[in-house]
Every structure is written in structure tokens, then in C-alpha cells.
Amino acid sequence: MFDWLATSLFAAAAAMFMFRMRFERPAVAPYALVGFAAVIGWWAGEDGLYALGVGLIITGAFLLLHLASLPYSEESEDPGP
């Protein structure tokens, strides 16, 4: 079960980062933190530390939800009139 959860969370973070890259230059650190939470949550869950694994995966999911809700930057490359 932890395999699918961690893989889905990591794939969602990578897809969100790539989607944001189309419109702005997002910081890599928050998306890497979600990826690390997914990997460490997978490892902890597979090693028998179920509460820690679930907690890390849920924390990564909420962080990704927060990143998805952030507005795009106001800066644009078009100087306008």
C-alpha cells in the first residue's frame, strides 16, 4: 500500500512542478520536500513504522495541496502599455 501512496504523491509533486514551470519559475525546495516526505514515508511504512509512514505521506499531501493553492506570481514578461 505504501508503494502506491508514495509513488502517487511523488508523481503529483513532479507534475505540479512541471505545470508551474510553464508559467513561472517556482522554487524547487518545497516540491523536493514533498518528494522526500513520500520516499521516507514509503521507507518507514515498509519497515514497519506504519504511523510514521502514514504521517509523512499525509504531511506531504497537505504540503502539495498548499503548493497547488498558491497563486501565480504577478510578474509578467510583457511590459504592457
PDB file of N, CA and C in Angstrom:
ATOM      1  N   MET A   1       0.813  -1.183   0.000  1.00  0.00           N
ATOM      2  CA  MET A   1       0.000   0.000   0.000  1.00  0.00           C
ATOM      3  C   MET A   1       0.866   1.261   0.000  1.00  0.00           C
ATOM      4  N   PHE A   2       1.951   1.222   0.738  1.00  0.00           N
ATOM      5  CA  PHE A   2       2.814   2.397   0.798  1.00  0.00           C
ATOM      6  C   PHE A   2       3.477   2.676  -0.540  1.00  0.00           C
ATOM      7  N   ASP A   3       3.677   1.628  -1.335  1.00  0.00           N
ATOM      8  CA  ASP A   3       4.271   1.823  -2.659  1.00  0.00           C
ATOM      9  C   ASP A   3       3.409   2.751  -3.514  1.00  0.00           C
ATOM     10  N   TRP A   4       2.111   2.441  -3.575  1.00  0.00           N
ATOM     11  CA  TRP A   4       1.207   3.240  -4.407  1.00  0.00           C
ATOM     12  C   TRP A   4       1.027   4.652  -3.879  1.00  0.00           C
ATOM     13  N   LEU A   5       0.929   4.789  -2.571  1.00  0.00           N
ATOM     14  CA  LEU A   5       0.741   6.118  -1.996  1.00  0.00           C
ATOM     15  C   LEU A   5       1.963   7.008  -2.239  1.00  0.00           C
ATOM     16  N   ALA A   6       3.139   6.466  -1.986  1.00  0.00           N
ATOM     17  CA  ALA A   6       4.364   7.255  -2.160  1.00  0.00           C
ATOM     18  C   ALA A   6       4.604   7.575  -3.627  1.00  0.00           C
ATOM     19  N   THR A   7       4.367   6.617  -4.506  1.00  0.00           N
ATOM     20  CA  THR A   7       4.563   6.856  -5.929  1.00  0.00           C
ATOM     21  C   THR A   7       3.575   7.900  -6.449  1.00  0.00           C
ATOM     22  N   SER A   8       2.341   7.821  -6.015  1.00  0.00           N
ATOM     23  CA  SER A   8       1.343   8.797  -6.442  1.00  0.00           C
ATOM     24  C   SER A   8       1.675  10.193  -5.950  1.00  0.00           C
ATOM     25  N   LEU A   9       2.119  10.303  -4.707  1.00  0.00           N
ATOM     26  CA  LEU A   9       2.473  11.604  -4.157  1.00  0.00           C
ATOM     27  C   LEU A   9       3.681  12.192  -4.880  1.00  0.00           C
ATOM     28  N   PHE A  10       4.675  11.366  -5.142  1.00  0.00           N
ATOM     29  CA  PHE A  10       5.858  11.839  -5.855  1.00  0.00           C
ATOM     30  C   PHE A  10       5.500  12.269  -7.282  1.00  0.00           C
ATOM     31  N   ALA A  11       4.682  11.480  -7.971  1.00  0.00           N
ATOM     32  CA  ALA A  11       4.275  11.821  -9.336  1.00  0.00           C
ATOM     33  C   ALA A  11       3.445  13.103  -9.358  1.00  0.00           C
ATOM     34  N   ALA A  12       2.585  13.293  -8.371  1.00  0.00           N
ATOM     35  CA  ALA A  12       1.780  14.512  -8.312  1.00  0.00           C
ATOM     36  C   ALA A  12       2.659  15.733  -8.062  1.00  0.00           C
ATOM     37  N   ALA A  13       3.670  15.596  -7.214  1.00  0.00           N
ATOM     38  CA  ALA A  13       4.585  16.719  -6.954  1.00  0.00           C
ATOM     39  C   ALA A  13       5.383  17.061  -8.205  1.00  0.00           C
ATOM     40  N   ALA A  14       5.860  16.043  -8.922  1.00  0.00           N
ATOM     41  CA  ALA A  14       6.616  16.294 -10.150  1.00  0.00           C
ATOM     42  C   ALA A  14       5.733  16.935 -11.217  1.00  0.00           C
ATOM     43  N   ALA A  15       4.506  16.456 -11.343  1.00  0.00           N
ATOM     44  CA  ALA A  15       3.591  17.029 -12.336  1.00  0.00           C
ATOM     45  C   ALA A  15       3.229  18.469 -11.990  1.00  0.00           C
ATOM     46  N   MET A  16       2.996  18.744 -10.711  1.00  0.00           N
ATOM     47  CA  MET A  16       2.677  20.107 -10.294  1.00  0.00           C
ATOM     48  C   MET A  16       3.858  21.039 -10.558  1.00  0.00           C
ATOM     49  N   PHE A  17       5.067  20.569 -10.295  1.00  0.00           N
ATOM     50  CA  PHE A  17       6.247  21.390 -10.549  1.00  0.00           C
ATOM     51  C   PHE A  17       6.392  21.678 -12.043  1.00  0.00           C
ATOM     52  N   MET A  18       6.215  20.662 -12.872  1.00  0.00           N
ATOM     53  CA  MET A  18       6.322  20.862 -14.323  1.00  0.00           C
ATOM     54  C   MET A  18       5.229  21.788 -14.846  1.00  0.00           C
ATOM     55  N   PHE A  19       4.037  21.673 -14.297  1.00  0.00           N
ATOM     56  CA  PHE A  19       2.946  22.555 -14.717  1.00  0.00           C
ATOM     57  C   PHE A  19       3.241  24.001 -14.326  1.00  0.00           C
ATOM     58  N   ARG A  20       3.751  24.205 -13.120  1.00  0.00           N
ATOM     59  CA  ARG A  20       4.104  25.559 -12.681  1.00  0.00           C
ATOM     60  C   ARG A  20       5.261  26.135 -13.483  1.00  0.00           C
ATOM     61  N   MET A  21       6.160  25.280 -13.960  1.00  0.00           N
ATOM     62  CA  MET A  21       7.309  25.740 -14.744  1.00  0.00           C
ATOM     63  C   MET A  21       6.872  26.372 -16.061  1.00  0.00           C
ATOM     64  N   ARG A  22       5.692  26.021 -16.536  1.00  0.00           N
ATOM     65  CA  ARG A  22       5.201  26.589 -17.791  1.00  0.00           C
ATOM     66  C   ARG A  22       4.898  28.071 -17.658  1.00  0.00           C
ATOM     67  N   PHE A  23       4.542  28.529 -16.461  1.00  0.00           N
ATOM     68  CA  PHE A  23       4.084  29.897 -16.271  1.00  0.00           C
ATOM     69  C   PHE A  23       4.989  30.752 -15.393  1.00  0.00           C
ATOM     70  N   GLU A  24       5.812  30.138 -14.580  1.00  0.00           N
ATOM     71  CA  GLU A  24       6.687  30.884 -13.680  1.00  0.00           C
ATOM     72  C   GLU A  24       7.889  30.017 -13.329  1.00  0.00           C
ATOM     73  N   ARG A  25       8.777  30.541 -12.515  1.00  0.00           N
ATOM     74  CA  ARG A  25       9.950  29.805 -12.061  1.00  0.00           C
ATOM     75  C   ARG A  25       9.791  29.486 -10.572  1.00  0.00           C
ATOM     76  N   PRO A  26       9.143  28.360 -10.250  1.00  0.00           N
ATOM     77  CA  PRO A  26       8.918  28.048  -8.838  1.00  0.00           C
ATOM     78  C   PRO A  26      10.204  27.568  -8.158  1.00  0.00           C
ATOM     79  N   ALA A  27      10.243  27.703  -6.855  1.00  0.00           N
ATOM     80  CA  ALA A  27      11.366  27.185  -6.086  1.00  0.00           C
ATOM     81  C   ALA A  27      11.286  25.659  -6.060  1.00  0.00           C
ATOM     82  N   VAL A  28      12.406  25.013  -6.146  1.00  0.00           N
ATOM     83  CA  VAL A  28      12.449  23.557  -6.184  1.00  0.00           C
ATOM     84  C   VAL A  28      12.282  22.962  -4.784  1.00  0.00           C
ATOM     85  N   ALA A  29      12.721  23.677  -3.768  1.00  0.00           N
ATOM     86  CA  ALA A  29      12.767  23.124  -2.415  1.00  0.00           C
ATOM     87  C   ALA A  29      11.420  22.591  -1.898  1.00  0.00           C
ATOM     88  N   PRO A  30      10.298  23.303  -2.023  1.00  0.00           N
ATOM     89  CA  PRO A  30       9.047  22.743  -1.487  1.00  0.00           C
ATOM     90  C   PRO A  30       8.624  21.454  -2.201  1.00  0.00           C
ATOM     91  N   TYR A  31       8.854  21.384  -3.496  1.00  0.00           N
ATOM     92  CA  TYR A  31       8.488  20.180  -4.239  1.00  0.00           C
ATOM     93  C   TYR A  31       9.430  19.027  -3.902  1.00  0.00           C
ATOM     94  N   ALA A  32      10.699  19.339  -3.661  1.00  0.00           N
ATOM     95  CA  ALA A  32      11.645  18.308  -3.233  1.00  0.00           C
ATOM     96  C   ALA A  32      11.287  17.800  -1.841  1.00  0.00           C
ATOM     97  N   LEU A  33      10.798  18.691  -0.979  1.00  0.00           N
ATOM     98  CA  LEU A  33      10.382  18.290   0.359  1.00  0.00           C
ATOM     99  C   LEU A  33       9.208  17.312   0.295  1.00  0.00           C
ATOM    100  N   VAL A  34       8.280  17.548  -0.619  1.00  0.00           N
ATOM    101  CA  VAL A  34       7.168  16.612  -0.801  1.00  0.00           C
ATOM    102  C   VAL A  34       7.703  15.266  -1.285  1.00  0.00           C
ATOM    103  N   GLY A  35       8.647  15.297  -2.216  1.00  0.00           N
ATOM    104  CA  GLY A  35       9.252  14.050  -2.702  1.00  0.00           C
ATOM    105  C   GLY A  35       9.985  13.300  -1.607  1.00  0.00           C
ATOM    106  N   PHE A  36      10.738  14.020  -0.777  1.00  0.00           N
ATOM    107  CA  PHE A  36      11.443  13.371   0.330  1.00  0.00           C
ATOM    108  C   PHE A  36      10.469  12.802   1.347  1.00  0.00           C
ATOM    109  N   ALA A  37       9.382  13.516   1.620  1.00  0.00           N
ATOM    110  CA  ALA A  37       8.367  13.001   2.544  1.00  0.00           C
ATOM    111  C   ALA A  37       7.747  11.719   1.995  1.00  0.00           C
ATOM    112  N   ALA A  38       7.539  11.663   0.688  1.00  0.00           N
ATOM    113  CA  ALA A  38       6.975  10.456   0.076  1.00  0.00           C
ATOM    114  C   ALA A  38       7.957   9.287   0.186  1.00  0.00           C
ATOM    115  N   VAL A  39       9.224   9.535  -0.104  1.00  0.00           N
ATOM    116  CA  VAL A  39      10.218   8.459  -0.065  1.00  0.00           C
ATOM    117  C   VAL A  39      10.449   7.966   1.366  1.00  0.00           C
ATOM    118  N   ILE A  40      10.593   8.895   2.306  1.00  0.00           N
ATOM    119  CA  ILE A  40      10.828   8.490   3.692  1.00  0.00           C
ATOM    120  C   ILE A  40       9.572   7.848   4.280  1.00  0.00           C
ATOM    121  N   GLY A  41       8.391   8.339   3.892  1.00  0.00           N
ATOM    122  CA  GLY A  41       7.149   7.707   4.327  1.00  0.00           C
ATOM    123  C   GLY A  41       7.009   6.294   3.797  1.00  0.00           C
ATOM    124  N   TRP A  42       7.416   6.098   2.547  1.00  0.00           N
ATOM    125  CA  TRP A  42       7.400   4.743   1.978  1.00  0.00           C
ATOM    126  C   TRP A  42       8.352   3.834   2.743  1.00  0.00           C
ATOM    127  N   TRP A  43       9.564   4.314   2.978  1.00  0.00           N
ATOM    128  CA  TRP A  43      10.550   3.512   3.677  1.00  0.00           C
ATOM    129  C   TRP A  43      10.079   3.164   5.086  1.00  0.00           C
ATOM    130  N   ALA A  44       9.547   4.150   5.807  1.00  0.00           N
ATOM    131  CA  ALA A  44       9.078   3.906   7.170  1.00  0.00           C
ATOM    132  C   ALA A  44       7.908   2.927   7.183  1.00  0.00           C
ATOM    133  N   GLY A  45       6.988   3.075   6.248  1.00  0.00           N
ATOM    134  CA  GLY A  45       5.843   2.178   6.190  1.00  0.00           C
ATOM    135  C   GLY A  45       6.224   0.755   5.858  1.00  0.00           C
ATOM    136  N   GLU A  46       7.161   0.593   4.948  1.00  0.00           N
ATOM    137  CA  GLU A  46       7.605  -0.746   4.574  1.00  0.00           C
ATOM    138  C   GLU A  46       8.461  -1.389   5.671  1.00  0.00           C
ATOM    139  N   ASP A  47       9.056  -0.562   6.525  1.00  0.00           N
ATOM    140  CA  ASP A  47       9.915  -1.069   7.595  1.00  0.00           C
ATOM    141  C   ASP A  47       9.135  -1.368   8.872  1.00  0.00           C
ATOM    142  N   GLY A  48       7.827  -1.162   8.846  1.00  0.00           N
ATOM    143  CA  GLY A  48       7.002  -1.482   9.996  1.00  0.00           C
ATOM    144  C   GLY A  48       6.619  -0.293  10.852  1.00  0.00           C
ATOM    145  N   LEU A  49       7.108   0.876  10.535  1.00  0.00           N
ATOM    146  CA  LEU A  49       6.750   2.086  11.279  1.00  0.00           C
ATOM    147  C   LEU A  49       5.535   2.726  10.600  1.00  0.00           C
ATOM    148  N   TYR A  50       4.391   2.079  10.742  1.00  0.00           N
ATOM    149  CA  TYR A  50       3.206   2.455   9.986  1.00  0.00           C
ATOM    150  C   TYR A  50       2.714   3.863  10.310  1.00  0.00           C
ATOM    151  N   ALA A  51       2.694   4.219  11.580  1.00  0.00           N
ATOM    152  CA  ALA A  51       2.197   5.543  11.961  1.00  0.00           C
ATOM    153  C   ALA A  51       3.088   6.645  11.383  1.00  0.00           C
ATOM    154  N   LEU A  52       4.400   6.450  11.431  1.00  0.00           N
ATOM    155  CA  LEU A  52       5.314   7.435  10.876  1.00  0.00           C
ATOM    156  C   LEU A  52       5.155   7.522   9.360  1.00  0.00           C
ATOM    157  N   GLY A  53       5.030   6.373   8.698  1.00  0.00           N
ATOM    158  CA  GLY A  53       4.856   6.363   7.250  1.00  0.00           C
ATOM    159  C   GLY A  53       3.591   7.070   6.806  1.00  0.00           C
ATOM    160  N   VAL A  54       2.485   6.771   7.461  1.00  0.00           N
ATOM    161  CA  VAL A  54       1.213   7.415   7.121  1.00  0.00           C
ATOM    162  C   VAL A  54       1.284   8.902   7.438  1.00  0.00           C
ATOM    163  N   GLY A  55       1.885   9.245   8.559  1.00  0.00           N
ATOM    164  CA  GLY A  55       2.004  10.652   8.934  1.00  0.00           C
ATOM    165  C   GLY A  55       2.815  11.456   7.927  1.00  0.00           C
ATOM    166  N   LEU A  56       3.919  10.897   7.464  1.00  0.00           N
ATOM    167  CA  LEU A  56       4.745  11.607   6.486  1.00  0.00           C
ATOM    168  C   LEU A  56       4.044  11.742   5.137  1.00  0.00           C
ATOM    169  N   ILE A  57       3.350  10.717   4.723  1.00  0.00           N
ATOM    170  CA  ILE A  57       2.648  10.780   3.438  1.00  0.00           C
ATOM    171  C   ILE A  57       1.485  11.788   3.523  1.00  0.00           C
ATOM    172  N   ILE A  58       0.782  11.806   4.642  1.00  0.00           N
ATOM    173  CA  ILE A  58      -0.299  12.786   4.808  1.00  0.00           C
ATOM    174  C   ILE A  58       0.268  14.199   4.864  1.00  0.00           C
ATOM    175  N   THR A  59       1.387  14.375   5.562  1.00  0.00           N
ATOM    176  CA  THR A  59       2.021  15.693   5.623  1.00  0.00           C
ATOM    177  C   THR A  59       2.456  16.151   4.237  1.00  0.00           C
ATOM    178  N   GLY A  60       3.045  15.260   3.462  1.00  0.00           N
ATOM    179  CA  GLY A  60       3.437  15.604   2.096  1.00  0.00           C
ATOM    180  C   GLY A  60       2.240  15.946   1.232  1.00  0.00           C
ATOM    181  N   ALA A  61       1.134  15.242   1.423  1.00  0.00           N
ATOM    182  CA  ALA A  61      -0.065  15.524   0.641  1.00  0.00           C
ATOM    183  C   ALA A  61      -0.633  16.904   0.977  1.00  0.00           C
ATOM    184  N   PHE A  62      -0.639  17.262   2.257  1.00  0.00           N
ATOM    185  CA  PHE A  62      -1.125  18.593   2.631  1.00  0.00           C
ATOM    186  C   PHE A  62      -0.194  19.690   2.141  1.00  0.00           C
ATOM    187  N   LEU A  63       1.114  19.440   2.160  1.00  0.00           N
ATOM    188  CA  LEU A  63       2.045  20.420   1.620  1.00  0.00           C
ATOM    189  C   LEU A  63       1.836  20.593   0.119  1.00  0.00           C
ATOM    190  N   LEU A  64       1.605  19.504  -0.583  1.00  0.00           N
ATOM    191  CA  LEU A  64       1.333  19.601  -2.018  1.00  0.00           C
ATOM    192  C   LEU A  64       0.019  20.327  -2.280  1.00  0.00           C
ATOM    193  N   LEU A  65      -0.978  20.093  -1.451  1.00  0.00           N
ATOM    194  CA  LEU A  65      -2.242  20.816  -1.581  1.00  0.00           C
ATOM    195  C   LEU A  65      -2.033  22.309  -1.357  1.00  0.00           C
ATOM    196  N   HIS A  66      -1.186  22.658  -0.399  1.00  0.00           N
ATOM    197  CA  HIS A  66      -0.865  24.071  -0.170  1.00  0.00           C
ATOM    198  C   HIS A  66      -0.144  24.661  -1.382  1.00  0.00           C
ATOM    199  N   LEU A  67       0.800  23.930  -1.942  1.00  0.00           N
ATOM    200  CA  LEU A  67       1.524  24.425  -3.117  1.00  0.00           C
ATOM    201  C   LEU A  67       0.594  24.602  -4.311  1.00  0.00           C
ATOM    202  N   ALA A  68      -0.377  23.714  -4.448  1.00  0.00           N
ATOM    203  CA  ALA A  68      -1.325  23.824  -5.555  1.00  0.00           C
ATOM    204  C   ALA A  68      -2.248  25.024  -5.386  1.00  0.00           C
ATOM    205  N   SER A  69      -2.485  25.436  -4.152  1.00  0.00           N
ATOM    206  CA  SER A  69      -3.401  26.551  -3.928  1.00  0.00           C
ATOM    207  C   SER A  69      -2.714  27.911  -3.992  1.00  0.00           C
ATOM    208  N   LEU A  70      -1.397  27.947  -4.113  1.00  0.00           N
ATOM    209  CA  LEU A  70      -0.698  29.225  -4.194  1.00  0.00           C
ATOM    210  C   LEU A  70      -1.016  29.926  -5.515  1.00  0.00           C
ATOM    211  N   PRO A  71      -1.232  31.227  -5.482  1.00  0.00           N
ATOM    212  CA  PRO A  71      -1.491  31.942  -6.738  1.00  0.00           C
ATOM    213  C   PRO A  71      -0.208  32.076  -7.553  1.00  0.00           C
ATOM    214  N   TYR A  72      -0.379  32.290  -8.830  1.00  0.00           N
ATOM    215  CA  TYR A  72       0.775  32.521  -9.694  1.00  0.00           C
ATOM    216  C   TYR A  72       1.340  33.898  -9.416  1.00  0.00           C
ATOM    217  N   SER A  73       2.617  34.078  -9.700  1.00  0.00           N
ATOM    218  CA  SER A  73       3.248  35.370  -9.435  1.00  0.00           C
ATOM    219  C   SER A  73       2.665  36.434 -10.366  1.00  0.00           C
ATOM    220  N   GLU A  74       2.673  37.656  -9.904  1.00  0.00           N
ATOM    221  CA  GLU A  74       2.122  38.784 -10.660  1.00  0.00           C
ATOM    222  C   GLU A  74       3.068  39.253 -11.761  1.00  0.00           C
ATOM    223  N   GLU A  75       4.324  38.833 -11.706  1.00  0.00           N
ATOM    224  CA  GLU A  75       5.296  39.282 -12.691  1.00  0.00           C
ATOM    225  C   GLU A  75       4.980  38.687 -14.065  1.00  0.00           C
ATOM    226  N   SER A  76       5.075  39.505 -15.065  1.00  0.00           N
ATOM    227  CA  SER A  76       4.900  39.005 -16.417  1.00  0.00           C
ATOM    228  C   SER A  76       6.012  39.569 -17.289  1.00  0.00           C
ATOM    229  N   GLU A  77       6.298  38.870 -18.358  1.00  0.00           N
ATOM    230  CA  GLU A  77       7.385  39.310 -19.233  1.00  0.00           C
ATOM    231  C   GLU A  77       6.908  40.379 -20.214  1.00  0.00           C
ATOM    232  N   ASP A  78       5.588  40.565 -20.327  1.00  0.00           N
ATOM    233  CA  ASP A  78       5.037  41.591 -21.205  1.00  0.00           C
ATOM    234  C   ASP A  78       4.998  42.919 -20.453  1.00  0.00           C
ATOM    235  N   PRO A  79       5.749  43.938 -20.910  1.00  0.00           N
ATOM    236  CA  PRO A  79       5.785  45.205 -20.179  1.00  0.00           C
ATOM    237  C   PRO A  79       4.473  45.977 -20.216  1.00  0.00           C
ATOM    238  N   GLY A  80       3.614  45.691 -21.170  1.00  0.00           N
ATOM    239  CA  GLY A  80       2.320  46.364 -21.253  1.00  0.00           C
ATOM    240  C   GLY A  80       2.462  47.780 -21.801  1.00  0.00           C
ATOM    241  N   PRO A  81       1.344  48.527 -21.809  1.00  0.00           N
ATOM    242  CA  PRO A  81       1.381  49.893 -22.363  1.00  0.00           C
ATOM    243  C   PRO A  81       2.045  50.906 -21.448  1.00  0.00           C
TER     244      PRO A  81
END
